[in-house]
Structure formats: structure tokens, C-alpha cells
Protein backbone atom coordinates (compact mmCIF):
# COMPACT_ATOMS: atom_id res chain seq x y z
CA MET A 1 36.40 2.15 -16.38
CA SER A 2 36.17 6.10 -15.94
CA LEU A 3 39.26 8.10 -14.38
CA PHE A 4 37.47 11.03 -13.06
CA GLY A 5 33.80 11.40 -11.58
CA THR A 6 33.61 8.80 -8.88
CA ALA A 7 31.68 9.66 -5.62
CA ARG A 8 34.28 11.25 -4.28
CA ASP A 9 34.93 13.59 -7.15
CA ALA A 10 30.94 14.72 -7.51
CA SER A 11 30.93 15.14 -3.34
CA LEU A 12 34.04 17.81 -3.56
CA VAL A 13 31.80 19.76 -6.61
CA ARG A 14 28.81 19.57 -4.61
CA HIS A 15 30.93 21.05 -1.52
CA ILE A 16 32.23 23.41 -3.63
CA GLY A 17 29.00 24.52 -5.40
CA ARG A 18 27.10 24.46 -1.47
CA GLU A 19 29.48 26.73 -0.23
CA LEU A 20 29.65 29.21 -3.44
CA VAL A 21 25.97 29.44 -3.52
CA ASN A 22 25.23 29.32 0.02
CA ASN A 23 27.89 31.37 1.47
CA ILE A 24 29.28 33.70 -1.38
CA ILE A 25 26.56 34.42 -3.63
CA GLU A 26 23.56 34.20 -0.90
CA GLN A 27 20.39 34.60 -3.43
CA GLN A 28 17.55 33.01 -2.25
CA VAL A 29 13.77 32.82 -3.36
CA GLY A 30 10.85 31.93 -1.35
CA TYR A 31 9.42 28.72 -2.87
CA TYR A 32 5.19 27.92 -2.05
CA LYS A 33 5.15 24.38 -2.98
CA LEU A 34 1.88 23.53 -4.71
CA ASP A 35 -0.78 20.88 -1.61
CA LEU A 36 -2.23 18.45 -4.37
CA LYS A 37 -4.21 16.60 -1.29
CA GLN A 38 -5.79 20.24 -0.14
CA THR A 39 -6.46 21.60 -3.66
CA THR A 40 -10.00 20.25 -5.05
CA THR A 41 -10.01 19.41 -8.71
CA ASN A 42 -12.16 18.24 -11.21
CA MET A 43 -12.56 15.18 -12.96
CA TYR A 44 -9.69 16.65 -15.44
CA GLY A 45 -7.66 17.19 -12.93
CA GLU A 46 -7.70 21.02 -12.92
CA ALA A 47 -8.47 23.33 -9.71
CA ASN A 48 -11.98 24.32 -9.33
CA GLY A 49 -11.28 27.19 -7.21
CA SER A 50 -8.27 28.71 -5.70
CA LYS A 51 -4.74 26.44 -5.44
CA ILE A 52 -3.39 25.57 -1.80
CA TYR A 53 0.15 25.72 -0.97
CA TYR A 54 2.55 24.59 1.77
CA ASN A 55 4.12 27.56 3.58
CA PRO A 56 6.72 28.77 2.03
CA VAL A 57 10.32 28.07 2.46
CA LEU A 58 13.66 30.38 1.42
CA ILE A 59 15.88 28.42 -0.57
CA ASN A 60 19.53 28.98 -1.67
CA CYS A 61 19.85 29.47 -5.70
CA ILE A 62 21.44 31.47 -8.49
CA ILE A 63 18.89 33.24 -10.11
CA GLU A 64 18.61 34.97 -13.60
CA ARG A 65 16.37 37.35 -15.22
CA THR A 66 15.36 38.76 -18.19
CA PRO A 67 14.39 42.44 -18.53
CA GLN A 68 10.61 43.46 -18.12
CA THR A 69 8.51 44.06 -20.90
CA TRP A 70 5.09 45.50 -21.29
CA SER A 71 2.50 44.76 -23.83
CA THR A 72 -1.10 46.49 -24.19
CA ASP A 73 -4.13 44.90 -24.92
CA SER A 74 -7.69 45.75 -24.03
CA PHE A 75 -7.36 45.32 -20.54
CA GLY A 76 -4.68 47.25 -20.15
CA PRO A 77 -0.69 46.91 -19.85
CA ASP A 78 0.95 43.85 -18.83
CA VAL A 79 4.15 43.48 -17.72
CA LYS A 80 5.94 40.02 -18.86
CA GLN A 81 9.45 38.85 -17.15
CA ASP A 82 11.24 35.27 -17.24
CA LEU A 83 13.09 33.85 -14.39
CA THR A 84 15.61 30.91 -14.45
CA VAL A 85 16.17 29.77 -11.22
CA ARG A 86 19.37 26.87 -10.32
CA PHE A 87 19.34 24.83 -7.34
CA LEU A 88 21.49 22.41 -5.79
CA ARG A 89 19.37 18.98 -5.90
CA ASP A 90 20.96 17.92 -2.58
CA ASP A 91 19.55 21.39 -0.84
CA LEU A 92 16.42 21.04 -2.51
CA ALA A 93 16.34 17.52 -0.97
CA GLY A 94 16.81 18.53 2.42
CA ILE A 95 14.10 20.35 3.25
CA ASP A 96 11.06 19.22 5.12
CA LEU A 97 7.91 20.15 3.61
CA SER A 98 5.55 17.41 5.39
CA ILE A 99 5.55 14.60 7.19
CA GLU A 100 3.32 11.58 6.68
CA LEU A 101 3.03 8.80 8.66
CA SER A 102 3.11 5.27 8.03
CA GLY A 103 0.58 2.57 9.37
CA GLY A 104 3.04 2.03 11.92
CA GLY A 105 3.92 5.23 12.75
CA GLN A 106 7.17 5.82 11.19
CA GLY A 107 7.45 9.17 9.25
CA PHE A 108 8.72 9.81 6.04
CA ALA A 109 9.62 13.47 5.26
CA TYR A 110 9.61 14.74 1.74
CA GLY A 111 11.70 17.51 0.21
CA VAL A 112 11.02 19.77 -2.19
CA VAL A 113 10.60 18.56 -5.92
CA PRO A 114 9.99 21.25 -8.26
CA GLU A 115 6.78 21.04 -10.37
CA VAL A 116 4.99 23.18 -13.41
CA GLY A 117 2.62 25.30 -11.43
CA ASP A 118 4.77 26.12 -8.03
CA ILE A 119 5.43 29.13 -7.57
CA MET A 120 8.50 31.30 -6.38
CA VAL A 121 8.75 34.20 -4.72
CA TRP A 122 11.66 36.94 -5.30
CA GLN A 123 11.96 40.92 -4.56
CA ASN A 124 8.36 40.89 -4.00
CA ASN A 125 7.77 39.50 -7.43
CA TYR A 126 5.51 36.49 -7.74
CA TYR A 127 6.83 33.30 -10.42
CA GLU A 128 4.97 30.45 -11.59
CA VAL A 129 6.93 27.71 -12.36
CA ASP A 130 6.94 26.57 -16.41
CA GLY A 131 9.56 23.77 -16.76
CA ILE A 132 12.10 21.88 -14.97
CA ILE A 133 15.39 20.79 -16.37
CA GLU A 134 17.37 18.13 -14.04
CA ASN A 135 19.90 16.82 -17.06
CA GLN A 136 22.71 18.83 -15.55
CA LEU A 137 24.97 15.99 -15.05
CA PHE A 138 28.61 15.52 -13.25
CA VAL A 139 31.20 14.22 -16.10
CA GLY A 140 28.26 13.84 -18.18
CA LYS A 141 27.23 10.76 -16.54
CA ASP A 142 24.34 9.29 -13.66
CA PRO A 143 24.93 6.78 -12.34
CA GLY A 144 20.42 5.57 -12.14
CA TYR A 145 21.15 5.19 -15.84
CA SER A 146 24.29 3.43 -16.80
CA TYR A 147 24.29 1.00 -19.31
CA SER A 148 27.58 -0.51 -18.31
CA THR A 149 28.37 -1.94 -14.69
CA ASP A 150 31.98 -0.13 -14.91
CA ASN A 151 30.04 3.28 -14.62
CA ASP A 152 27.93 2.54 -11.63
CA GLY A 153 29.49 4.39 -9.30
CA PHE A 154 30.56 7.36 -11.36
CA GLY A 155 28.83 10.63 -12.41
CA SER A 156 26.26 12.07 -10.35
CA SER A 157 23.14 14.71 -10.49
CA ILE A 158 24.00 17.43 -9.44
CA SER A 159 21.30 20.69 -9.80
CA ILE A 160 17.85 21.19 -10.74
CA ILE A 161 16.87 24.26 -13.13
CA VAL A 162 13.74 25.87 -12.59
CA ASN A 163 11.96 27.82 -15.51
CA ALA A 164 9.38 30.23 -14.21
CA HIS A 165 7.26 33.47 -15.76
CA TYR A 166 6.15 36.52 -13.99
CA THR A 167 2.27 36.36 -12.58
CA ARG A 168 -0.22 38.85 -10.48
CA ILE A 169 -0.75 37.72 -6.84
CA GLU A 170 -4.24 38.63 -7.48
CA LYS A 171 -4.55 35.37 -9.74
CA LEU A 172 -2.85 33.35 -7.01
CA GLY A 173 -4.82 34.10 -4.16
CA ILE A 174 -1.49 33.74 -2.01
CA GLU A 175 -1.36 36.24 1.11
CA LYS A 176 1.59 38.47 1.36
CA ASP A 177 3.46 37.20 4.33
CA ARG A 178 7.27 37.64 5.55
CA LEU A 179 9.80 35.14 4.98
């Protein structure tokens, strides 16, 4: 049985992380979640026309960006930049994008679940999500995947890391809004 990494220890790390991200660092991105129900697709699951997104939500995060690079081809110069955004898992779960009603009239609120194809806006630049990393674990354990019953209550998944690349707003069909 582990000595450290109980739910109480994970709660302390979550509390300190939330205070650091929300009150000290204070960086935010606008997050456009792809609305799969409204977007029309072909038989291969590809969007035929423009994609439809939910209204953007502001999410506190930690941002790491690469320097911009330029390349020139037959269409002219093109800028490239990658962005790595780190979110606290609990902050994403607390955001209500939509509420669905079940047959009994009960509502189910869904938080933000980052997926490939979602859009983030930061400093008036738009970034399309390429990949998601969810394996940053507190004390290296995830209680949802415990092989021993002695370690069921130990560890926690704290954050979600999202990798994205710069994309042009003209390609997205998103109108600039104030967040």
C-alpha cells in the first residue's frame, strides 16, 4: 500500500494548481468545441462544408508556444507556429457547453473534452488541435486503472495537455467575436 498519493494529497495538489493557474499565471484561451450534431458529414465522417462550433468559452491554462517560422511556396508566404496548452482536468469538467434532456426531463451537463479538430484562439491567432495527452498522473497512478485493490484510492489524473498548430481564420469560417 502506498504511503503518499491518497485522495487528500491529490486534492492538495489540485488546489495549489488551481490557485497557480487561475490567480497567479492568469493566461486564458478561447476554446471552440466542434458541434458534431450540427456539422454535416459525408459517408467517411468528413465535414462536407463548414464546420459548426459551440460558442467559445474562456479557459484558464498554461501556454507554451514555439517561435513563428515562415515558408514560401507557389501560393506565397505561409506562417507556422505550434502551441502547447496545459489545462487542469477539473476546470474542463466544470464548464457547461450544452445541456441535454433525457426522457424523464432530467438534464445532463457536459464539460469540455478536448478532441482533435477543436479550435483555440489566443492573441487573435487561431490554433487547431492536433493531439491530446492525458497521461500526466499524480504519483504515477490512476485509480481508474489499478491492478491491485490496495492502490484503488491512490493517485489522480491532474491535467490535460493539448498540442495545436496555427491555422488561418478564413479556412475555419469562424466570425471574430469578443470573448
